Amino acid sequence: MVPYLLVDLARRFFKLPFRLIPSEEPEPALASSTSFQSTGLGPFPLEIWRQVWAYVVILEGSRSTDLVDAFNPMFTSEHPGFMDHPSYSSFQRDLIALSLVHRLWAREIRRMSLEYLQISSVAQLEAIFVVLDAEPAAQLGQAVRRIDVVVSKLEEDGLIAHLVRLLSRTPQLRTFVHCVDSASAGVSTPSSVLRVLAEYCGPSLRRIEWGTLANAPQQQDLVKLLQCSPLLASLRLIRLASSESFSPPPDICSQLRTLSLGLDLESDGPVVVASPPSWQRFLAAFASMPESLPQLVRFEADQCTSSVVDFCSAHGAKIHYFRAAVWPGETDNFTQAIEHMPALRNLVVVLTSGRVVFPRRHPSLQQICIDSLVSAAHSTCYEVPDNVQEPQRQALVNVFRAVEKLDAPLEVLRLQNNGNLARFRISRTQDISNGLMLKTWAVRFKASRSCMLFCDKDGVSFFS
C-alpha cells in the first residue's frame, strides 16, 4: 500500500507519466544536498527521499549489526529469507512501482535494494553481476551492507568462484551470514571465501554468523578473519571444523559485544548426544585471558558445559545479556554461570529436557525470556536436528516454579511462544488446556510479583 501512495504523491507533485524511463536515457548527476524540482525529486533533498524509500526498500536486518534480541517485539526481527517467503512477491511489486515513477527513483531504489543480498544460486549471483557491471562508475558494490549465503551446497559448480568475486566488490560489507544446508556437512567453509572476506571486507565487518552445522570454518581461517576485522561486534558460530588448539592473540575481537555459540550435536539413533567438545578449547583460550573481549556484554551458549562456567568466571562481570540452553546434567553449570554474572540484566532460557535452577538471589536480573531452539527470534536460518525433542509442558511449568522462587528485581517474564512453543498461548478455540495453565500462572505471578509483566512474544500481558 505504501509504495502506491508514494507513486500517487509523485504523480501529483511532478505530473509524471506512469511509465518506465528507457535505460538508454542519460541520467543527470545527483547532488545530495540540493533541491531537485527539475530531476523528479520535487522540493525535498535526496536524503529525505531516501528515508521515505527505506520503509519499503530496506529489508529488516539489512542494517543490524547484532543478533536478534528475544526481548524485542517480533515485528522488529529479521526478514525470514525473502526469496521463498510469501512477502517476496509483494516486495517485488513495491520495488517495481517505485521504480516506475522516475529514472532517478529507479536508480536510487536499485542501489538501496542492493543493501541486503541473499544468495541462493549461481544464477542469482550472475544476475547480480549484470546489475553491478552495468554501472561501474556508480560503484554499486559499495552499497552492499549484508550478504546471506543460503544454499543447499556450497560446492555447486561456479558458486565459490562467483561468491569470491562478489565479496571482492563489496568493500563496505557489514554483515556476512553463512547458512549452508546440512547436505554438505563435513566440508569446511572454503579458505578462499574467508580470505577474500578478510582482505576486502574485514575493515568494515561488524557481524559474522554461521547458522548451520555444515561448512563450519577452520580455526586458522577464523583467527585470520577475526584479526582482519577490528570493528567486529557480533560473532555467531555453531561449530569449528578443526579441533586443534585455539590460540588467538590477546587483542583479538577487542570490539566484540556479542558472542554466540550454537548447538553442536550428533545423533545416535533416537538419542541426541553432545559431539566432541569443539568449544572447550575455544572458550578455554579466552578464559585464560581475562583482559580479552573488553567490550563483551552478550553471551549465548546452546550447551552449558563446564567450559562455559570457566568462561563466565573470567568474563561474567561484564555480561548483561545471557542466553543458555540447559541439557540434562548441565543444571549446576547453568546456576554457577549466572552466579558469575553480577551485572546480568537480561536472561534467555532455552527450554529443553534439562532442569533449570536459578541462584537463590540475583541483585540485577530484570528480564527473563523463555525461548525455544526453533525460534524465529533467535537466528535467520538456525537449524536443529530432527531428533531434538520438543519441550514438554512440564518443563515450562518447572521454569515458572523456578522464577517464582527467585529473589530478583524482575520486571518482565516473556514467553517467546513461537517455533515449537507456539502452542503455549491463550486461545478460546484450540490448546485450551495450555491457555488455562498460562492463566493460572498469571494469577500466581500477579499475587507474588505484582510489578512484573508476564507476557507473550508480542508483549501482550497474560494478566488481561
Protein backbone atom coordinates (compact mmCIF):
# COMPACT_ATOMS: atom_id res chain seq x y z
CA MET A 1 0.00 0.00 0.00
CA VAL A 2 2.75 2.46 0.96
CA PRO A 3 4.61 2.45 -2.37
CA TYR A 4 1.44 3.11 -4.33
CA LEU A 5 0.73 6.12 -2.11
CA LEU A 6 4.24 7.33 -2.86
CA VAL A 7 3.64 6.85 -6.58
CA ASP A 8 0.41 8.84 -6.39
CA LEU A 9 2.18 11.56 -4.40
CA ALA A 10 4.93 11.78 -7.00
CA ARG A 11 2.47 11.99 -9.89
CA ARG A 12 0.57 14.82 -8.17
CA PHE A 13 3.77 16.79 -7.49
CA PHE A 14 5.55 16.26 -10.77
CA LYS A 15 2.76 15.19 -13.19
CA LEU A 16 4.93 12.27 -14.29
CA PRO A 17 3.53 9.56 -16.57
CA PHE A 18 3.34 6.10 -15.02
CA ARG A 19 5.91 4.51 -17.30
CA LEU A 20 9.40 3.11 -17.13
CA ILE A 21 12.02 5.55 -18.36
CA PRO A 22 14.19 3.85 -21.01
CA SER A 23 17.55 2.87 -19.60
CA GLU A 24 19.43 4.41 -22.54
CA GLU A 25 18.41 7.94 -21.49
CA PRO A 26 21.30 9.75 -19.75
CA GLU A 27 20.90 10.15 -16.01
CA PRO A 28 21.76 13.53 -14.52
CA ALA A 29 24.29 13.61 -11.72
CA LEU A 30 22.94 13.68 -8.18
CA ALA A 31 23.94 16.41 -5.76
CA SER A 32 22.88 15.05 -2.42
CA SER A 33 22.12 18.30 -0.59
CA THR A 34 20.17 20.44 -3.08
CA SER A 35 16.59 20.63 -4.35
CA PHE A 36 15.58 18.52 -7.32
CA GLN A 37 12.41 20.02 -8.79
CA SER A 38 13.82 19.52 -12.27
CA THR A 39 15.09 16.00 -11.68
CA GLY A 40 11.97 14.32 -10.30
CA LEU A 41 12.64 14.68 -6.58
CA GLY A 42 10.49 17.74 -6.03
CA PRO A 43 11.18 20.27 -3.27
CA PHE A 44 12.86 17.72 -0.99
CA PRO A 45 16.55 16.83 -0.89
CA LEU A 46 17.68 13.33 -1.74
CA GLU A 47 18.33 12.49 1.91
CA ILE A 48 14.64 12.96 2.75
CA TRP A 49 13.52 10.72 -0.10
CA ARG A 50 15.97 8.03 0.98
CA GLN A 51 14.41 8.00 4.42
CA VAL A 52 10.95 7.57 2.85
CA TRP A 53 12.06 4.86 0.42
CA ALA A 54 13.80 2.95 3.20
CA TYR A 55 10.44 1.99 4.73
CA VAL A 56 9.68 -0.03 1.61
CA VAL A 57 13.02 -0.97 0.08
CA ILE A 58 15.23 -1.80 3.07
CA LEU A 59 14.52 -5.26 4.47
CA GLU A 60 14.58 -5.93 8.19
CA GLY A 61 18.02 -6.91 9.36
CA SER A 62 19.98 -5.38 6.49
CA ARG A 63 21.49 -2.75 8.79
CA SER A 64 21.53 -4.75 12.00
CA THR A 65 24.97 -5.43 13.44
CA ASP A 66 23.72 -7.54 16.34
CA LEU A 67 21.81 -10.78 16.61
CA VAL A 68 18.06 -10.66 17.06
CA ASP A 69 17.06 -9.79 20.62
CA ALA A 70 14.48 -12.16 22.12
CA PHE A 71 13.09 -9.30 24.19
CA ASN A 72 12.18 -7.20 21.16
CA PRO A 73 8.73 -7.46 19.54
CA MET A 74 8.64 -9.98 16.70
CA PHE A 75 7.93 -7.36 14.03
CA THR A 76 11.45 -5.98 14.60
CA SER A 77 13.05 -9.35 13.83
CA GLU A 78 14.99 -10.02 10.69
CA HIS A 79 13.34 -10.80 7.39
CA PRO A 80 12.93 -14.61 7.20
CA GLY A 81 14.63 -15.27 3.88
CA PHE A 82 12.59 -13.22 1.44
CA MET A 83 13.37 -15.27 -1.66
CA ASP A 84 10.94 -18.02 -0.61
CA HIS A 85 8.79 -16.00 1.77
CA PRO A 86 5.14 -15.12 0.93
CA SER A 87 6.00 -11.43 1.17
CA TYR A 88 8.57 -11.71 -1.63
CA SER A 89 6.10 -11.14 -4.48
CA SER A 90 4.64 -8.05 -2.82
CA PHE A 91 8.15 -6.81 -2.11
CA GLN A 92 8.96 -7.15 -5.81
CA ARG A 93 5.80 -5.27 -6.78
CA ASP A 94 6.73 -2.48 -4.38
CA LEU A 95 10.16 -2.09 -5.97
CA ILE A 96 8.69 -2.02 -9.48
CA ALA A 97 6.03 0.53 -8.54
CA LEU A 98 8.57 2.91 -7.05
CA SER A 99 10.99 2.45 -9.93
CA LEU A 100 8.31 3.43 -12.46
CA VAL A 101 7.95 6.94 -11.06
CA HIS A 102 11.17 8.41 -12.44
CA ARG A 103 14.55 7.27 -13.68
CA LEU A 104 16.26 8.83 -10.66
CA TRP A 105 13.87 6.97 -8.37
CA ALA A 106 14.76 3.77 -10.22
CA ARG A 107 18.47 4.47 -9.87
CA GLU A 108 18.38 5.14 -6.14
CA ILE A 109 15.98 2.29 -5.39
CA ARG A 110 18.17 -0.11 -7.33
CA ARG A 111 21.11 0.99 -5.22
CA MET A 112 19.18 0.70 -1.95
CA SER A 113 17.82 -2.73 -2.83
CA LEU A 114 21.40 -3.99 -3.08
CA GLU A 115 21.99 -3.34 0.62
CA TYR A 116 20.77 -6.84 1.54
CA LEU A 117 21.61 -9.76 -0.78
CA GLN A 118 20.53 -13.34 -0.15
CA ILE A 119 22.49 -15.71 -2.34
CA SER A 120 20.64 -18.92 -3.14
CA SER A 121 22.11 -20.00 -6.52
CA VAL A 122 24.74 -19.34 -9.15
CA ALA A 123 22.05 -17.90 -11.42
CA GLN A 124 21.20 -15.29 -8.81
CA LEU A 125 24.87 -14.32 -8.47
CA GLU A 126 25.14 -13.92 -12.24
CA ALA A 127 22.07 -11.67 -12.23
CA ILE A 128 23.65 -9.54 -9.51
CA PHE A 129 26.81 -9.14 -11.58
CA VAL A 130 24.73 -7.93 -14.52
CA VAL A 131 23.47 -5.09 -12.31
CA LEU A 132 26.90 -4.34 -10.83
CA ASP A 133 28.63 -4.35 -14.22
CA ALA A 134 26.01 -2.09 -15.83
CA GLU A 135 27.11 0.96 -13.83
CA PRO A 136 30.78 0.64 -12.96
CA ALA A 137 31.10 4.36 -12.35
CA ALA A 138 28.40 4.28 -9.72
CA GLN A 139 30.27 1.56 -7.78
CA LEU A 140 27.06 -0.18 -6.80
CA GLY A 141 29.04 -2.84 -4.98
CA GLN A 142 29.79 -0.31 -2.26
CA ALA A 143 26.06 -0.16 -1.49
CA VAL A 144 26.02 -3.78 -0.28
CA ARG A 145 25.84 -3.95 3.51
CA ARG A 146 24.74 -7.53 4.13
CA ILE A 147 25.14 -10.86 2.33
CA ASP A 148 23.42 -14.09 3.37
CA VAL A 149 24.68 -17.26 1.68
CA VAL A 150 21.61 -19.53 1.79
CA VAL A 151 22.32 -22.51 -0.45
CA SER A 152 21.92 -26.27 -0.29
CA LYS A 153 25.54 -26.98 -1.20
CA LEU A 154 28.44 -24.57 -1.40
CA GLU A 155 30.12 -26.96 -3.83
CA GLU A 156 27.67 -26.12 -6.63
CA ASP A 157 29.56 -25.52 -9.88
CA GLY A 158 30.92 -21.99 -10.01
CA LEU A 159 29.31 -20.87 -6.75
CA ILE A 160 32.51 -20.42 -4.75
CA ALA A 161 34.26 -18.53 -7.56
CA HIS A 162 31.26 -16.23 -8.02
CA LEU A 163 30.99 -15.65 -4.27
CA VAL A 164 34.68 -14.75 -4.05
CA ARG A 165 34.20 -12.31 -6.92
CA LEU A 166 31.18 -10.72 -5.24
CA LEU A 167 32.94 -10.30 -1.89
CA SER A 168 35.88 -8.63 -3.62
CA ARG A 169 33.46 -5.96 -4.88
CA THR A 170 31.69 -5.19 -1.61
CA PRO A 171 34.23 -3.22 0.46
CA GLN A 172 31.53 -1.73 2.71
CA LEU A 173 30.04 -5.08 3.75
CA ARG A 174 28.98 -5.04 7.40
CA THR A 175 27.20 -8.41 7.86
CA PHE A 176 28.04 -11.84 6.48
CA VAL A 177 25.70 -14.75 7.27
CA HIS A 178 26.63 -18.26 6.19
CA CYS A 179 23.70 -20.73 6.08
CA VAL A 180 24.56 -23.82 4.05
CA ASP A 181 22.29 -26.85 4.14
CA SER A 182 23.41 -29.86 6.16
CA ALA A 183 23.61 -31.91 2.93
CA SER A 184 27.20 -30.69 2.65
CA ALA A 185 28.10 -31.37 6.28
CA GLY A 186 31.70 -32.30 6.90
CA VAL A 187 33.06 -29.80 4.38
CA SER A 188 34.54 -26.67 5.92
CA THR A 189 33.95 -23.16 4.67
CA PRO A 190 36.39 -22.70 1.75
CA SER A 191 39.53 -20.85 2.79
CA SER A 192 39.32 -18.78 -0.40
CA VAL A 193 35.98 -17.32 0.72
CA LEU A 194 37.23 -16.41 4.18
CA ARG A 195 40.49 -14.99 2.81
CA VAL A 196 38.74 -12.60 0.43
CA LEU A 197 36.22 -11.74 3.15
CA ALA A 198 39.12 -10.79 5.45
CA GLU A 199 41.07 -8.93 2.78
CA TYR A 200 38.32 -6.86 1.16
CA CYS A 201 35.60 -6.66 3.81
CA GLY A 202 37.43 -7.10 7.12
CA PRO A 203 37.83 -3.38 7.94
CA SER A 204 34.07 -2.79 7.62
CA LEU A 205 32.68 -6.07 9.04
CA ARG A 206 30.52 -5.73 12.15
CA ARG A 207 28.78 -9.13 12.22
CA ILE A 208 29.73 -12.65 11.11
CA GLU A 209 27.36 -15.56 11.57
CA TRP A 210 27.31 -19.27 10.78
CA GLY A 211 23.75 -20.55 11.01
CA THR A 212 24.07 -24.31 10.38
CA LEU A 213 26.36 -27.20 11.27
CA ALA A 214 27.50 -27.56 7.68
CA ASN A 215 30.60 -25.85 6.29
CA ALA A 216 32.00 -24.73 9.63
CA PRO A 217 35.17 -22.62 9.45
CA GLN A 218 38.65 -23.94 10.08
CA GLN A 219 40.20 -22.47 13.21
CA GLN A 220 43.17 -20.89 11.43
CA ASP A 221 40.87 -19.26 8.86
CA LEU A 222 38.61 -17.95 11.61
CA VAL A 223 41.51 -16.44 13.58
CA LYS A 224 42.80 -14.71 10.43
CA LEU A 225 39.34 -13.32 9.69
CA LEU A 226 38.92 -12.05 13.24
CA GLN A 227 42.34 -10.40 13.16
CA CYS A 228 41.38 -8.55 9.97
CA SER A 229 38.02 -7.39 11.41
CA PRO A 230 38.91 -4.86 14.13
CA LEU A 231 35.36 -3.45 14.33
CA LEU A 232 33.57 -6.81 14.60
CA ALA A 233 30.71 -6.53 17.11
CA SER A 234 28.84 -9.86 16.75
CA LEU A 235 30.09 -13.40 16.16
CA ARG A 236 27.81 -16.45 15.86
CA LEU A 237 29.27 -19.96 15.48
CA ILE A 238 27.70 -23.42 15.50
CA ARG A 239 30.88 -25.48 15.42
CA LEU A 240 34.51 -25.39 14.33
CA ALA A 241 35.72 -27.70 11.59
CA SER A 242 39.07 -28.44 13.24
CA SER A 243 39.92 -29.49 16.77
CA GLU A 244 43.50 -28.29 17.17
CA SER A 245 44.39 -25.92 19.99
CA PHE A 246 42.92 -22.45 19.71
CA SER A 247 45.47 -19.72 20.44
CA PRO A 248 44.20 -16.27 19.48
CA PRO A 249 46.25 -13.15 20.24
CA PRO A 250 45.14 -11.24 23.37
CA ASP A 251 43.94 -8.19 21.43
CA ILE A 252 41.66 -10.13 19.06
CA CYS A 253 37.96 -9.14 18.98
CA SER A 254 38.60 -6.01 21.03
CA GLN A 255 35.25 -4.53 19.92
CA LEU A 256 33.18 -7.73 20.15
CA ARG A 257 29.95 -7.17 22.05
CA THR A 258 28.09 -10.41 21.25
CA LEU A 259 29.48 -13.95 21.25
CA SER A 260 27.04 -16.74 20.38
CA LEU A 261 27.97 -20.43 20.36
CA GLY A 262 25.43 -22.81 18.89
CA LEU A 263 24.33 -26.37 19.45
CA ASP A 264 26.89 -28.89 18.25
CA LEU A 265 25.11 -32.24 18.37
CA GLU A 266 25.46 -35.64 16.81
CA SER A 267 22.69 -38.20 16.57
CA ASP A 268 22.95 -41.82 17.62
CA GLY A 269 19.62 -43.30 16.57
CA PRO A 270 16.87 -41.71 18.63
CA VAL A 271 19.36 -40.31 21.16
CA VAL A 272 20.99 -36.91 20.79
CA VAL A 273 24.45 -36.67 22.33
CA ALA A 274 26.97 -33.88 22.55
CA SER A 275 29.65 -34.14 19.93
CA PRO A 276 33.35 -33.83 20.84
CA PRO A 277 33.69 -30.55 22.77
CA SER A 278 34.58 -28.18 19.95
CA TRP A 279 34.01 -25.20 22.26
CA GLN A 280 36.24 -26.45 25.07
CA ARG A 281 39.50 -25.16 23.59
CA PHE A 282 37.82 -22.09 22.11
CA LEU A 283 36.35 -20.97 25.45
CA ALA A 284 39.41 -22.07 27.42
CA ALA A 285 41.59 -19.76 25.32
CA PHE A 286 39.51 -16.72 26.23
CA ALA A 287 39.02 -17.88 29.82
CA SER A 288 42.80 -17.82 30.23
CA MET A 289 42.86 -14.17 29.08
CA PRO A 290 40.51 -12.19 31.39
CA GLU A 291 41.72 -8.95 29.81
CA SER A 292 40.46 -10.03 26.37
CA LEU A 293 36.99 -9.20 24.98
CA PRO A 294 36.78 -5.87 26.88
CA GLN A 295 33.50 -4.83 25.20
CA LEU A 296 31.63 -8.12 25.63
CA VAL A 297 28.11 -7.65 27.03
CA ARG A 298 26.14 -10.52 25.46
CA PHE A 299 26.98 -14.21 25.62
CA GLU A 300 24.94 -17.11 24.23
CA ALA A 301 25.63 -20.81 24.71
CA ASP A 302 23.33 -23.55 23.49
CA GLN A 303 25.36 -26.05 25.52
CA CYS A 304 26.01 -25.08 29.14
CA THR A 305 29.16 -27.12 29.71
CA SER A 306 31.87 -26.70 32.35
CA SER A 307 33.91 -24.67 29.85
CA VAL A 308 31.04 -22.15 29.77
CA VAL A 309 31.34 -21.82 33.57
CA ASP A 310 35.10 -21.19 33.27
CA PHE A 311 34.49 -18.58 30.58
CA CYS A 312 31.88 -16.83 32.73
CA SER A 313 34.25 -16.92 35.70
CA ALA A 314 36.71 -14.82 33.66
CA HIS A 315 34.29 -12.56 31.76
CA GLY A 316 30.97 -12.76 33.60
CA ALA A 317 31.36 -9.42 35.37
CA LYS A 318 30.82 -7.53 32.11
CA ILE A 319 27.97 -9.66 30.71
CA HIS A 320 24.49 -8.08 30.76
CA TYR A 321 22.69 -10.50 28.41
CA PHE A 322 22.95 -14.29 28.70
CA ARG A 323 21.20 -16.91 26.59
CA ALA A 324 21.60 -20.55 27.58
CA ALA A 325 20.18 -23.99 26.86
CA VAL A 326 20.28 -26.36 29.81
CA TRP A 327 20.54 -30.02 28.85
CA PRO A 328 20.39 -32.98 31.27
CA GLY A 329 23.45 -32.92 33.52
CA GLU A 330 24.07 -29.19 32.99
CA THR A 331 21.84 -27.76 35.74
CA ASP A 332 24.70 -26.95 38.13
CA ASN A 333 26.74 -25.40 35.30
CA PHE A 334 23.84 -23.09 34.45
CA THR A 335 23.43 -21.98 38.06
CA GLN A 336 27.15 -21.36 38.53
CA ALA A 337 27.40 -19.42 35.27
CA ILE A 338 24.68 -17.00 36.40
CA GLU A 339 26.38 -16.58 39.77
CA HIS A 340 29.46 -15.30 37.91
CA MET A 341 27.37 -12.52 36.27
CA PRO A 342 26.59 -9.92 38.97
CA ALA A 343 25.59 -7.30 36.36
CA LEU A 344 23.27 -9.61 34.40
CA ARG A 345 20.03 -7.87 33.41
CA ASN A 346 18.55 -10.00 30.60
CA LEU A 347 18.39 -13.79 30.73
CA VAL A 348 17.06 -16.02 27.93
CA VAL A 349 16.34 -19.61 28.99
CA VAL A 350 16.13 -22.08 26.10
CA LEU A 351 13.56 -24.71 27.03
CA THR A 352 14.96 -28.24 26.71
CA SER A 353 14.70 -31.50 28.61
CA GLY A 354 17.18 -30.24 31.23
CA ARG A 355 16.21 -28.86 34.63
CA VAL A 356 16.53 -25.12 35.20
CA VAL A 357 17.57 -23.88 38.64
CA PHE A 358 18.29 -20.22 39.33
CA PRO A 359 20.51 -18.94 42.12
CA ARG A 360 18.51 -18.14 45.24
CA ARG A 361 19.11 -14.42 44.74
CA HIS A 362 20.34 -12.15 41.98
CA PRO A 363 20.85 -8.39 42.51
CA SER A 364 20.33 -7.04 38.97
CA LEU A 365 18.26 -9.50 36.91
CA GLN A 366 15.36 -7.57 35.36
CA GLN A 367 14.07 -9.64 32.44
CA ILE A 368 13.70 -13.36 31.74
CA CYS A 369 12.62 -14.77 28.38
CA ILE A 370 11.68 -18.43 27.88
CA ASP A 371 12.64 -19.35 24.33
CA SER A 372 12.99 -22.47 22.17
CA LEU A 373 15.78 -23.72 19.94
CA VAL A 374 13.44 -23.47 16.95
CA SER A 375 12.66 -19.79 17.31
CA ALA A 376 12.29 -17.07 14.71
CA ALA A 377 13.59 -14.65 17.33
CA HIS A 378 16.95 -16.36 17.53
CA SER A 379 18.58 -16.61 14.15
CA THR A 380 17.99 -16.17 10.48
CA CYS A 381 18.46 -19.79 9.48
CA TYR A 382 19.33 -21.78 12.57
CA GLU A 383 18.51 -25.47 12.28
CA VAL A 384 18.07 -28.13 14.96
CA PRO A 385 18.40 -31.90 14.42
CA ASP A 386 15.04 -33.61 13.94
CA ASN A 387 15.58 -35.88 16.94
CA VAL A 388 15.87 -32.99 19.39
CA GLN A 389 12.65 -33.48 21.33
CA GLU A 390 10.01 -30.80 21.54
CA PRO A 391 9.86 -29.29 25.05
CA GLN A 392 7.03 -30.59 27.18
CA ARG A 393 4.53 -28.62 29.16
CA GLN A 394 6.02 -29.82 32.45
CA ALA A 395 9.39 -28.35 31.51
CA LEU A 396 7.74 -24.96 31.10
CA VAL A 397 5.96 -25.31 34.44
CA ASN A 398 9.29 -26.15 36.11
CA VAL A 399 10.79 -22.89 34.81
CA PHE A 400 7.77 -20.96 36.12
CA ARG A 401 8.32 -22.51 39.54
CA ALA A 402 11.99 -21.57 39.47
CA VAL A 403 11.06 -17.97 38.59
CA GLU A 404 8.55 -17.91 41.45
CA LYS A 405 11.30 -18.80 43.95
CA LEU A 406 13.88 -16.38 42.54
CA ASP A 407 14.70 -13.30 44.61
CA ALA A 408 15.48 -10.69 41.97
CA PRO A 409 14.11 -7.29 40.82
CA LEU A 410 12.25 -8.88 37.88
CA GLU A 411 10.25 -6.55 35.68
CA VAL A 412 9.40 -8.81 32.72
CA LEU A 413 8.83 -12.54 32.19
CA ARG A 414 8.35 -13.17 28.47
CA LEU A 415 7.24 -16.43 26.86
CA GLN A 416 8.56 -16.49 23.30
CA ASN A 417 5.61 -18.57 22.10
CA ASN A 418 6.61 -19.19 18.51
CA GLY A 419 8.51 -22.02 16.88
CA ASN A 420 7.90 -25.17 18.90
CA LEU A 421 6.45 -23.13 21.76
CA ALA A 422 3.66 -21.76 19.58
CA ARG A 423 1.02 -23.96 21.20
CA PHE A 424 1.51 -22.20 24.54
CA ARG A 425 -0.92 -19.34 24.13
CA ILE A 426 -4.30 -18.25 25.37
CA SER A 427 -6.95 -19.32 22.86
CA ARG A 428 -10.68 -19.98 23.05
CA THR A 429 -10.71 -22.41 20.15
CA GLN A 430 -7.59 -24.58 20.47
CA ASP A 431 -4.93 -25.52 23.02
CA ILE A 432 -7.43 -24.60 25.71
CA SER A 433 -5.59 -26.54 28.42
CA ASN A 434 -2.35 -24.64 27.75
CA GLY A 435 -4.27 -21.37 27.86
CA LEU A 436 -5.77 -22.27 31.22
CA MET A 437 -2.32 -23.16 32.51
CA LEU A 438 -0.96 -19.75 31.46
CA LYS A 439 -3.96 -18.02 33.06
CA THR A 440 -3.32 -19.90 36.30
CA TRP A 441 0.30 -18.84 36.40
CA ALA A 442 -0.66 -15.29 35.50
CA VAL A 443 -2.79 -15.17 38.65
CA ARG A 444 0.03 -16.65 40.75
CA PHE A 445 2.60 -14.18 39.42
CA LYS A 446 0.20 -11.28 39.94
CA ALA A 447 -0.12 -12.29 43.58
CA SER A 448 3.59 -12.82 44.19
CA ARG A 449 5.09 -10.30 41.74
CA SER A 450 2.56 -7.56 41.17
CA CYS A 451 5.09 -5.30 39.43
CA MET A 452 6.23 -7.94 36.94
CA LEU A 453 4.87 -8.09 33.38
CA PHE A 454 4.07 -11.68 32.34
CA CYS A 455 3.62 -11.53 28.56
CA ASP A 456 3.86 -13.32 25.24
CA LYS A 457 6.25 -12.77 22.32
CA ASP A 458 4.42 -9.60 21.25
CA GLY A 459 4.50 -8.09 24.73
CA VAL A 460 0.78 -8.79 25.36
CA SER A 461 0.16 -9.47 29.03
CA PHE A 462 -1.27 -12.81 30.14
CA PHE A 463 -2.87 -10.99 33.09
CA SER A 464 -5.61 -9.49 30.91
